C-alpha atoms as a PDB file:
ATOM      1  CA  MET A   1      -9.950   8.223  29.940  1.00  0.00           C
ATOM      2  CA  VAL A   2      -8.045   5.143  28.787  1.00  0.00           C
ATOM      3  CA  LYS A   3      -4.339   5.822  28.427  1.00  0.00           C
ATOM      4  CA  ARG A   4      -2.473   4.423  25.429  1.00  0.00           C
ATOM      5  CA  ARG A   5       0.449   2.150  26.086  1.00  0.00           C
ATOM      6  CA  GLU A   6       2.296   2.691  22.805  1.00  0.00           C
ATOM      7  CA  PRO A   7       1.324   5.731  20.711  1.00  0.00           C
ATOM      8  CA  THR A   8       2.104   5.567  17.002  1.00  0.00           C
ATOM      9  CA  ALA A   9       4.310   8.129  15.263  1.00  0.00           C
ATOM     10  CA  ARG A  10       1.179   9.663  13.696  1.00  0.00           C
ATOM     11  CA  GLN A  11      -0.483  10.024  17.095  1.00  0.00           C
ATOM     12  CA  MET A  12       2.726  11.542  18.450  1.00  0.00           C
ATOM     13  CA  ARG A  13       2.751  14.034  15.568  1.00  0.00           C
ATOM     14  CA  LEU A  14      -0.800  15.168  16.381  1.00  0.00           C
ATOM     15  CA  ALA A  15       0.188  15.590  20.025  1.00  0.00           C
ATOM     16  CA  THR A  16       3.274  17.587  19.030  1.00  0.00           C
ATOM     17  CA  GLU A  17       1.266  19.926  16.802  1.00  0.00           C
ATOM     18  CA  LEU A  18      -1.256  20.607  19.582  1.00  0.00           C
ATOM     19  CA  ARG A  19       1.575  21.407  21.990  1.00  0.00           C
ATOM     20  CA  ARG A  20       3.146  23.739  19.429  1.00  0.00           C
ATOM     21  CA  LEU A  21      -0.160  25.574  18.976  1.00  0.00           C
ATOM     22  CA  ARG A  22      -0.534  25.994  22.749  1.00  0.00           C
ATOM     23  CA  GLU A  23       3.018  27.272  23.168  1.00  0.00           C
ATOM     24  CA  ALA A  24       2.594  29.678  20.244  1.00  0.00           C
ATOM     25  CA  ALA A  25      -0.470  31.072  22.040  1.00  0.00           C
ATOM     26  CA  GLY A  26       1.630  31.680  25.157  1.00  0.00           C
ATOM     27  CA  LEU A  27      -0.407  29.348  27.355  1.00  0.00           C
ATOM     28  CA  ASN A  28       0.756  26.693  29.787  1.00  0.00           C
ATOM     29  CA  SER A  29      -0.987  23.344  30.173  1.00  0.00           C
ATOM     30  CA  ARG A  30      -2.857  24.483  33.293  1.00  0.00           C
ATOM     31  CA  GLN A  31      -4.298  27.490  31.464  1.00  0.00           C
ATOM     32  CA  ALA A  32      -5.274  25.316  28.467  1.00  0.00           C
ATOM     33  CA  ALA A  33      -6.986  22.846  30.796  1.00  0.00           C
ATOM     34  CA  ALA A  34      -8.961  25.651  32.427  1.00  0.00           C
ATOM     35  CA  LEU A  35     -10.234  26.779  29.035  1.00  0.00           C
ATOM     36  CA  LEU A  36     -11.593  23.279  28.414  1.00  0.00           C
ATOM     37  CA  GLY A  37     -12.749  22.734  31.973  1.00  0.00           C
ATOM     38  CA  VAL A  38     -10.585  19.632  32.440  1.00  0.00           C
ATOM     39  CA  ALA A  39      -7.736  18.645  34.742  1.00  0.00           C
ATOM     40  CA  PRO A  40      -4.230  19.765  33.677  1.00  0.00           C
ATOM     41  CA  ALA A  41      -3.209  16.097  33.524  1.00  0.00           C
ATOM     42  CA  GLN A  42      -5.592  15.591  30.606  1.00  0.00           C
ATOM     43  CA  ILE A  43      -3.808  18.218  28.519  1.00  0.00           C
ATOM     44  CA  THR A  44      -0.507  16.582  29.439  1.00  0.00           C
ATOM     45  CA  HIS A  45      -1.800  13.187  28.329  1.00  0.00           C
ATOM     46  CA  ILE A  46      -3.136  14.600  25.046  1.00  0.00           C
ATOM     47  CA  GLU A  47       0.159  16.373  24.316  1.00  0.00           C
ATOM     48  CA  SER A  48       2.170  13.228  25.014  1.00  0.00           C
ATOM     49  CA  ALA A  49      -0.161  11.105  22.829  1.00  0.00           C
ATOM     50  CA  LEU A  50      -1.146   8.988  25.817  1.00  0.00           C
ATOM     51  CA  ALA A  51      -4.773  10.003  25.266  1.00  0.00           C
ATOM     52  CA  GLY A  52      -6.815  10.928  22.217  1.00  0.00           C
ATOM     53  CA  VAL A  53      -8.823  14.093  21.691  1.00  0.00           C
ATOM     54  CA  SER A  54     -12.297  14.471  20.204  1.00  0.00           C
ATOM     55  CA  GLU A  55     -13.031  16.679  17.207  1.00  0.00           C
ATOM     56  CA  GLN A  56     -15.068  19.043  19.399  1.00  0.00           C
ATOM     57  CA  ARG A  57     -12.295  19.498  21.937  1.00  0.00           C
ATOM     58  CA  LEU A  58      -9.623  19.823  19.262  1.00  0.00           C
ATOM     59  CA  ARG A  59     -11.543  22.601  17.517  1.00  0.00           C
ATOM     60  CA  ARG A  60     -12.155  24.330  20.861  1.00  0.00           C
ATOM     61  CA  LEU A  61      -8.454  24.175  21.646  1.00  0.00           C
ATOM     62  CA  ALA A  62      -7.564  25.561  18.209  1.00  0.00           C
ATOM     63  CA  SER A  63     -10.006  28.421  18.788  1.00  0.00           C
ATOM     64  CA  HIS A  64      -8.557  29.192  22.219  1.00  0.00           C
ATOM     65  CA  TYR A  65      -5.080  29.081  20.686  1.00  0.00           C
ATOM     66  CA  ALA A  66      -6.201  31.610  18.040  1.00  0.00           C
ATOM     67  CA  CYS A  67      -5.339  29.257  15.185  1.00  0.00           C
ATOM     68  CA  THR A  68      -7.180  30.490  12.085  1.00  0.00           C
ATOM     69  CA  ASP A  69      -5.717  28.039   9.568  1.00  0.00           C
ATOM     70  CA  GLU A  70      -8.878  26.029   8.859  1.00  0.00           C
ATOM     71  CA  GLU A  71      -7.135  23.662   6.455  1.00  0.00           C
ATOM     72  CA  PHE A  72      -4.541  22.834   9.113  1.00  0.00           C
ATOM     73  CA  ILE A  73      -7.201  22.348  11.784  1.00  0.00           C
ATOM     74  CA  ASP A  74      -9.174  20.043   9.472  1.00  0.00           C
ATOM     75  CA  ALA A  75      -6.010  17.996   8.880  1.00  0.00           C
ATOM     76  CA  LEU A  76      -5.451  17.678  12.631  1.00  0.00           C
ATOM     77  CA  VAL A  77      -9.072  16.616  13.093  1.00  0.00           C
ATOM     78  CA  ALA A  78      -8.595  13.927  10.440  1.00  0.00           C
ATOM     79  CA  MET A  79      -5.561  12.652  12.332  1.00  0.00           C
ATOM     80  CA  ALA A  80      -7.434  12.701  15.651  1.00  0.00           C
ATOM     81  CA  THR A  81     -10.539  10.902  14.435  1.00  0.00           C
ATOM     82  CA  ASP A  82      -8.945   8.365  12.089  1.00  0.00           C
ATOM     83  CA  ARG A  83      -9.654   4.813  13.233  1.00  0.00           C
ATOM     84  CA  THR A  84      -7.856   3.021  10.424  1.00  0.00           C
ATOM     85  CA  GLN A  85      -6.642  -0.448  11.303  1.00  0.00           C
ATOM     86  CA  GLY A  86      -4.121  -0.809   8.496  1.00  0.00           C
ATOM     87  CA  TRP A  87      -2.509  -3.967   7.183  1.00  0.00           C
ATOM     88  CA  TRP A  88       0.587  -3.192   9.256  1.00  0.00           C
ATOM     89  CA  GLU A  89      -1.304  -3.881  12.490  1.00  0.00           C
ATOM     90  CA  GLU A  90      -0.954  -7.619  11.915  1.00  0.00           C
ATOM     91  CA  TYR A  91       2.766  -7.149  12.571  1.00  0.00           C
ATOM     92  CA  ARG A  92       2.313  -5.345  15.904  1.00  0.00           C
ATOM     93  CA  GLY A  93       4.278  -7.168  18.562  1.00  0.00           C
ATOM     94  CA  LEU A  94       6.208  -9.032  15.866  1.00  0.00           C
ATOM     95  CA  LEU A  95       8.279  -6.232  14.328  1.00  0.00           C
ATOM     96  CA  PRO A  96       9.862  -3.107  15.842  1.00  0.00           C
ATOM     97  CA  THR A  97       7.364  -0.259  16.243  1.00  0.00           C
ATOM     98  CA  SER A  98       9.325   1.952  13.828  1.00  0.00           C
ATOM     99  CA  PHE A  99       8.484  -0.469  10.985  1.00  0.00           C
ATOM    100  CA  LEU A 100       4.773  -0.018  11.675  1.00  0.00           C
ATOM    101  CA  ASP A 101       5.054   3.743  12.122  1.00  0.00           C
ATOM    102  CA  LEU A 102       6.739   4.056   8.730  1.00  0.00           C
ATOM    103  CA  SER A 103       4.010   1.947   7.104  1.00  0.00           C
ATOM    104  CA  GLU A 104       1.322   4.155   8.652  1.00  0.00           C
ATOM    105  CA  LEU A 105       3.053   7.326   7.462  1.00  0.00           C
ATOM    106  CA  GLU A 106       3.359   5.943   3.934  1.00  0.00           C
ATOM    107  CA  HIS A 107      -0.313   4.895   3.944  1.00  0.00           C
ATOM    108  CA  HIS A 108      -1.440   8.471   4.672  1.00  0.00           C
ATOM    109  CA  ALA A 109       1.203  10.204   2.513  1.00  0.00           C
ATOM    110  CA  ARG A 110       0.474  12.365  -0.526  1.00  0.00           C
ATOM    111  CA  PHE A 111       3.895  11.609  -2.028  1.00  0.00           C
ATOM    112  CA  LEU A 112       7.231  10.006  -1.138  1.00  0.00           C
ATOM    113  CA  ARG A 113      10.799  11.028  -1.947  1.00  0.00           C
ATOM    114  CA  HIS A 114      13.900   9.032  -1.188  1.00  0.00           C
ATOM    115  CA  VAL A 115      17.644   9.606  -1.380  1.00  0.00           C
ATOM    116  CA  ALA A 116      19.619   6.343  -1.362  1.00  0.00           C
ATOM    117  CA  ILE A 117      23.394   6.132  -1.028  1.00  0.00           C
ATOM    118  CA  LEU A 118      24.410   2.551  -0.193  1.00  0.00           C
ATOM    119  CA  TYR A 119      21.299   0.438  -0.824  1.00  0.00           C
ATOM    120  CA  VAL A 120      18.491   0.424  -3.352  1.00  0.00           C
ATOM    121  CA  PRO A 121      15.401   1.899  -1.606  1.00  0.00           C
ATOM    122  CA  GLY A 122      13.307  -0.699   0.204  1.00  0.00           C
ATOM    123  CA  LEU A 123      10.184   0.124  -1.800  1.00  0.00           C
ATOM    124  CA  LEU A 124      12.007  -0.855  -4.997  1.00  0.00           C
ATOM    125  CA  GLN A 125      13.931  -3.910  -3.802  1.00  0.00           C
ATOM    126  CA  THR A 126      13.527  -7.437  -5.080  1.00  0.00           C
ATOM    127  CA  GLU A 127      12.861 -10.124  -2.498  1.00  0.00           C
ATOM    128  CA  ASP A 128      16.356 -11.594  -2.895  1.00  0.00           C
ATOM    129  CA  TYR A 129      17.940  -8.168  -2.466  1.00  0.00           C
ATOM    130  CA  SER A 130      15.871  -7.511   0.684  1.00  0.00           C
ATOM    131  CA  ARG A 131      16.797 -10.914   2.041  1.00  0.00           C
ATOM    132  CA  ALA A 132      20.506 -10.172   1.579  1.00  0.00           C
ATOM    133  CA  VAL A 133      20.216  -6.778   3.281  1.00  0.00           C
ATOM    134  CA  PHE A 134      18.262  -8.100   6.261  1.00  0.00           C
ATOM    135  CA  SER A 135      20.550 -11.140   6.555  1.00  0.00           C
ATOM    136  CA  ALA A 136      23.516  -8.827   7.092  1.00  0.00           C
ATOM    137  CA  ARG A 137      21.952  -7.213  10.161  1.00  0.00           C
ATOM    138  CA  LEU A 138      23.705  -7.511  13.531  1.00  0.00           C
ATOM    139  CA  PRO A 139      22.719  -9.083  15.795  1.00  0.00           C
ATOM    140  CA  GLU A 140      21.604 -11.727  13.333  1.00  0.00           C
ATOM    141  CA  LEU A 141      17.887 -12.225  12.815  1.00  0.00           C
ATOM    142  CA  THR A 142      16.185 -15.538  13.382  1.00  0.00           C
ATOM    143  CA  THR A 143      14.572 -17.196  10.374  1.00  0.00           C
ATOM    144  CA  GLU A 144      11.144 -16.067  11.585  1.00  0.00           C
ATOM    145  CA  GLU A 145      12.276 -12.462  12.110  1.00  0.00           C
ATOM    146  CA  LEU A 146      13.873 -12.417   8.664  1.00  0.00           C
ATOM    147  CA  GLU A 147      10.742 -13.693   6.924  1.00  0.00           C
ATOM    148  CA  LEU A 148       8.516 -11.226   8.790  1.00  0.00           C
ATOM    149  CA  ARG A 149      10.673  -8.306   7.644  1.00  0.00           C
ATOM    150  CA  ILE A 150      10.603  -9.498   4.048  1.00  0.00           C
ATOM    151  CA  GLN A 151       6.825  -9.975   4.125  1.00  0.00           C
ATOM    152  CA  HIS A 152       6.375  -6.520   5.623  1.00  0.00           C
ATOM    153  CA  ARG A 153       8.615  -4.914   2.998  1.00  0.00           C
ATOM    154  CA  ARG A 154       6.727  -6.616   0.172  1.00  0.00           C
ATOM    155  CA  ALA A 155       3.448  -5.320   1.599  1.00  0.00           C
ATOM    156  CA  ARG A 156       4.871  -1.773   1.710  1.00  0.00           C
ATOM    157  CA  GLN A 157       5.686  -2.022  -1.988  1.00  0.00           C
ATOM    158  CA  ARG A 158       1.986  -2.008  -2.899  1.00  0.00           C
ATOM    159  CA  PHE A 159       1.724   1.772  -3.160  1.00  0.00           C
ATOM    160  CA  ALA A 160       0.229   4.014  -5.823  1.00  0.00           C
ATOM    161  CA  ILE A 161       1.194   7.537  -4.747  1.00  0.00           C
ATOM    162  CA  PRO A 162       3.883   9.602  -6.518  1.00  0.00           C
ATOM    163  CA  TYR A 163       7.329   8.326  -5.535  1.00  0.00           C
ATOM    164  CA  GLU A 164      10.695   9.749  -6.539  1.00  0.00           C
ATOM    165  CA  ALA A 165      13.918   7.925  -5.737  1.00  0.00           C
ATOM    166  CA  VAL A 166      17.334   9.490  -6.256  1.00  0.00           C
ATOM    167  CA  ILE A 167      19.894   6.691  -6.086  1.00  0.00           C
ATOM    168  CA  HIS A 168      23.665   7.078  -5.972  1.00  0.00           C
ATOM    169  CA  GLU A 169      25.705   4.916  -8.313  1.00  0.00           C
ATOM    170  CA  ALA A 170      27.299   3.321  -5.233  1.00  0.00           C
ATOM    171  CA  ALA A 171      23.978   1.740  -4.292  1.00  0.00           C
ATOM    172  CA  LEU A 172      23.614   0.339  -7.798  1.00  0.00           C
ATOM    173  CA  ARG A 173      27.105  -1.156  -7.872  1.00  0.00           C
ATOM    174  CA  ILE A 174      27.385  -2.606  -4.360  1.00  0.00           C
ATOM    175  CA  ARG A 175      26.629  -6.326  -4.506  1.00  0.00           C
ATOM    176  CA  VAL A 176      24.661  -7.092  -1.373  1.00  0.00           C
ATOM    177  CA  SER A 177      24.584 -10.715  -2.510  1.00  0.00           C
ATOM    178  CA  ASP A 178      25.740 -12.258  -5.798  1.00  0.00           C
ATOM    179  CA  ARG A 179      25.878 -11.170  -9.421  1.00  0.00           C
ATOM    180  CA  ALA A 180      22.484 -12.703 -10.249  1.00  0.00           C
ATOM    181  CA  THR A 181      20.794 -10.785  -7.416  1.00  0.00           C
ATOM    182  CA  SER A 182      22.327  -7.513  -8.582  1.00  0.00           C
ATOM    183  CA  ARG A 183      21.298  -8.175 -12.185  1.00  0.00           C
ATOM    184  CA  ALA A 184      17.708  -8.946 -11.162  1.00  0.00           C
ATOM    185  CA  GLN A 185      17.600  -5.832  -8.967  1.00  0.00           C
ATOM    186  CA  LEU A 186      18.719  -3.565 -11.787  1.00  0.00           C
ATOM    187  CA  ALA A 187      16.142  -5.158 -14.089  1.00  0.00           C
ATOM    188  CA  GLN A 188      13.407  -4.486 -11.547  1.00  0.00           C
ATOM    189  CA  LEU A 189      14.550  -0.883 -11.143  1.00  0.00           C
ATOM    190  CA  LEU A 190      14.207  -0.419 -14.896  1.00  0.00           C
ATOM    191  CA  GLU A 191      10.725  -1.906 -14.744  1.00  0.00           C
ATOM    192  CA  HIS A 192       9.718   0.329 -11.824  1.00  0.00           C
ATOM    193  CA  SER A 193      11.054   3.404 -13.609  1.00  0.00           C
ATOM    194  CA  GLU A 194       8.474   2.904 -16.362  1.00  0.00           C
ATOM    195  CA  ALA A 195       5.547   3.133 -13.921  1.00  0.00           C
ATOM    196  CA  ASP A 196       3.542   6.354 -14.097  1.00  0.00           C
ATOM    197  CA  HIS A 197       3.825   7.056 -10.360  1.00  0.00           C
ATOM    198  CA  ILE A 198       7.522   6.194  -9.932  1.00  0.00           C
ATOM    199  CA  THR A 199      10.491   8.354 -10.922  1.00  0.00           C
ATOM    200  CA  VAL A 200      14.015   6.974 -10.648  1.00  0.00           C
ATOM    201  CA  ARG A 201      17.047   9.251 -10.910  1.00  0.00           C
ATOM    202  CA  VAL A 202      20.730   8.340 -10.633  1.00  0.00           C
ATOM    203  CA  ILE A 203      23.677  10.282  -9.227  1.00  0.00           C
ATOM    204  CA  PRO A 204      26.797   9.073 -11.086  1.00  0.00           C
ATOM    205  CA  PHE A 205      30.234   8.813  -9.495  1.00  0.00           C
ATOM    206  CA  ASP A 206      31.775  11.169 -12.042  1.00  0.00           C
ATOM    207  CA  LEU A 207      29.652  14.157 -11.033  1.00  0.00           C
ATOM    208  CA  ASP A 208      32.084  16.990 -10.195  1.00  0.00           C
ATOM    209  CA  GLY A 209      31.907  18.971  -6.975  1.00  0.00           C
ATOM    210  CA  PHE A 210      28.901  17.240  -5.489  1.00  0.00           C
ATOM    211  CA  ALA A 211      28.752  16.628  -1.725  1.00  0.00           C
ATOM    212  CA  SER A 212      25.009  16.873  -1.062  1.00  0.00           C
ATOM    213  CA  ALA A 213      24.218  13.143  -1.193  1.00  0.00           C
ATOM    214  CA  SER A 214      25.916  12.385   2.096  1.00  0.00           C
ATOM    215  CA  SER A 215      23.113  10.454   3.758  1.00  0.00           C
ATOM    216  CA  THR A 216      19.962   8.501   3.112  1.00  0.00           C
ATOM    217  CA  MET A 217      16.564  10.021   3.817  1.00  0.00           C
ATOM    218  CA  THR A 218      12.900   9.433   3.155  1.00  0.00           C
ATOM    219  CA  TYR A 219      10.670  12.482   2.760  1.00  0.00           C
ATOM    220  CA  VAL A 220       6.987  11.789   3.439  1.00  0.00           C
ATOM    221  CA  GLY A 221       4.497  14.351   2.139  1.00  0.00           C
ATOM    222  CA  GLY A 222       1.708  15.002   4.632  1.00  0.00           C
ATOM    223  CA  PRO A 223      -1.772  16.398   3.943  1.00  0.00           C
ATOM    224  CA  LEU A 224      -0.173  19.866   4.198  1.00  0.00           C
ATOM    225  CA  PRO A 225       3.499  20.873   3.872  1.00  0.00           C
ATOM    226  CA  LYS A 226       3.680  21.735   7.576  1.00  0.00           C
ATOM    227  CA  LEU A 227       2.687  18.116   8.320  1.00  0.00           C
ATOM    228  CA  ASP A 228       5.464  16.579   6.220  1.00  0.00           C
ATOM    229  CA  THR A 229       7.901  14.174   7.894  1.00  0.00           C
ATOM    230  CA  VAL A 230      11.503  13.166   7.224  1.00  0.00           C
ATOM    231  CA  VAL A 231      12.511   9.646   8.210  1.00  0.00           C
ATOM    232  CA  ARG A 232      16.176   8.930   8.911  1.00  0.00           C
ATOM    233  CA  ASP A 233      17.623   5.530   9.677  1.00  0.00           C
ATOM    234  CA  ALA A 234      19.125   5.335  13.150  1.00  0.00           C
ATOM    235  CA  LEU A 235      21.124   2.647  14.931  1.00  0.00           C
ATOM    236  CA  HIS A 236      18.112   1.372  16.850  1.00  0.00           C
ATOM    237  CA  GLY A 237      15.168   2.067  14.527  1.00  0.00           C
ATOM    238  CA  SER A 238      14.120   5.165  12.616  1.00  0.00           C
ATOM    239  CA  ALA A 239      14.105   8.841  13.591  1.00  0.00           C
ATOM    240  CA  PHE A 240      11.045  10.886  12.589  1.00  0.00           C
ATOM    241  CA  ILE A 241      11.806  14.573  12.010  1.00  0.00           C
ATOM    242  CA  ASP A 242       9.023  17.160  11.811  1.00  0.00           C
ATOM    243  CA  SER A 243      10.189  20.612  12.949  1.00  0.00           C
ATOM    244  CA  GLU A 244       9.610  23.263  10.298  1.00  0.00           C
ATOM    245  CA  ALA A 245      13.236  24.429  10.329  1.00  0.00           C
ATOM    246  CA  GLN A 246      14.549  20.904   9.766  1.00  0.00           C
ATOM    247  CA  LEU A 247      11.918  20.150   7.124  1.00  0.00           C
ATOM    248  CA  ASN A 248      13.012  23.228   5.188  1.00  0.00           C
ATOM    249  CA  THR A 249      16.615  22.040   5.384  1.00  0.00           C
ATOM    250  CA  TYR A 250      15.703  18.621   3.981  1.00  0.00           C
ATOM    251  CA  ARG A 251      13.512  20.149   1.276  1.00  0.00           C
ATOM    252  CA  THR A 252      16.468  22.233   0.148  1.00  0.00           C
ATOM    253  CA  SER A 253      18.762  19.210   0.328  1.00  0.00           C
ATOM    254  CA  PHE A 254      16.449  17.117  -1.811  1.00  0.00           C
ATOM    255  CA  ARG A 255      16.113  19.864  -4.423  1.00  0.00           C
ATOM    256  CA  LYS A 256      19.903  20.051  -4.685  1.00  0.00           C
ATOM    257  CA  VAL A 257      20.262  16.294  -4.990  1.00  0.00           C
ATOM    258  CA  GLU A 258      17.471  16.107  -7.550  1.00  0.00           C
ATOM    259  CA  ALA A 259      18.941  18.955  -9.616  1.00  0.00           C
ATOM    260  CA  ALA A 260      22.347  17.265  -9.705  1.00  0.00           C
ATOM    261  CA  SER A 261      21.029  13.842 -10.732  1.00  0.00           C
ATOM    262  CA  LEU A 262      20.503  12.502 -14.222  1.00  0.00           C
ATOM    263  CA  ASP A 263      17.025  12.934 -15.661  1.00  0.00           C
ATOM    264  CA  PRO A 264      14.723   9.863 -15.750  1.00  0.00           C
ATOM    265  CA  ARG A 265      15.617   8.922 -19.348  1.00  0.00           C
ATOM    266  CA  GLN A 266      19.362   9.268 -18.751  1.00  0.00           C
ATOM    267  CA  SER A 267      18.986   7.348 -15.496  1.00  0.00           C
ATOM    268  CA  ARG A 268      17.322   4.411 -17.256  1.00  0.00           C
ATOM    269  CA  GLU A 269      20.123   4.370 -19.813  1.00  0.00           C
ATOM    270  CA  PHE A 270      22.682   4.458 -17.018  1.00  0.00           C
ATOM    271  CA  ILE A 271      21.059   1.561 -15.126  1.00  0.00           C
ATOM    272  CA  HIS A 272      20.826  -0.403 -18.366  1.00  0.00           C
ATOM    273  CA  SER A 273      24.545   0.097 -19.008  1.00  0.00           C
ATOM    274  CA  LEU A 274      25.369  -1.139 -15.481  1.00  0.00           C
ATOM    275  CA  ALA A 275      23.188  -4.217 -16.021  1.00  0.00           C
ATOM    276  CA  LYS A 276      25.107  -5.022 -19.216  1.00  0.00           C
ATOM    277  CA  GLU A 277      28.345  -5.070 -17.218  1.00  0.00           C
ATOM    278  CA  LEU A 278      27.082  -7.909 -15.005  1.00  0.00           C
END
């Protein structure tokens, strides 16, 4: 068994789900290993994503754990047997791992939702806007690091799945660079909002009694709702959240934010009015 040096977030999610199934069955790792006829260390490695698991063994484990959700098991098998070498792999060793993990999650997603408070979402940014945001990072990036991040972000923008962005007026008004950059960014938002797979909504400043849009989040729809993921920006990379209780909290939060925002037509009119001010 060859141990992995750096499991991806998707591999970690598979490992987490297998551990949750075992714990729900009331078994410890030694008991699970005995059912498979392997050493306990192998179960530990599988559940820490340091080793993969074959379809046969995964289905045997699911059976021993009394999991009868065939759709869920099939989704786990797809995660375990996927050998995709995505475009993001060319950045491995060049960008932080969290950048690549996010790209992989987006590649396999059924849909994406985003709540943006201070910045226009990365998937909708112009190159100049992205450059200004990355240039403000501390510690400062080298020229090579800056260009790699911009290239990676542009590659992420080639998506075709349903995407809904709810953007606070603050993010639309903050000038990350100059007036021309802001004007071009608003124009691109208007263009994106006309795409069939993209929905843009705005939360205006003058909305009364609204405190739900307190933080940015990206909601990534998995093959099944129980395999969804929430991505939150952290000081040193991104945090990937996948517990059912937390997912339900973020689902509720997004529904509240969405309900309080302007509808797509009103949002386009609002963005257009801001662009005229520049």
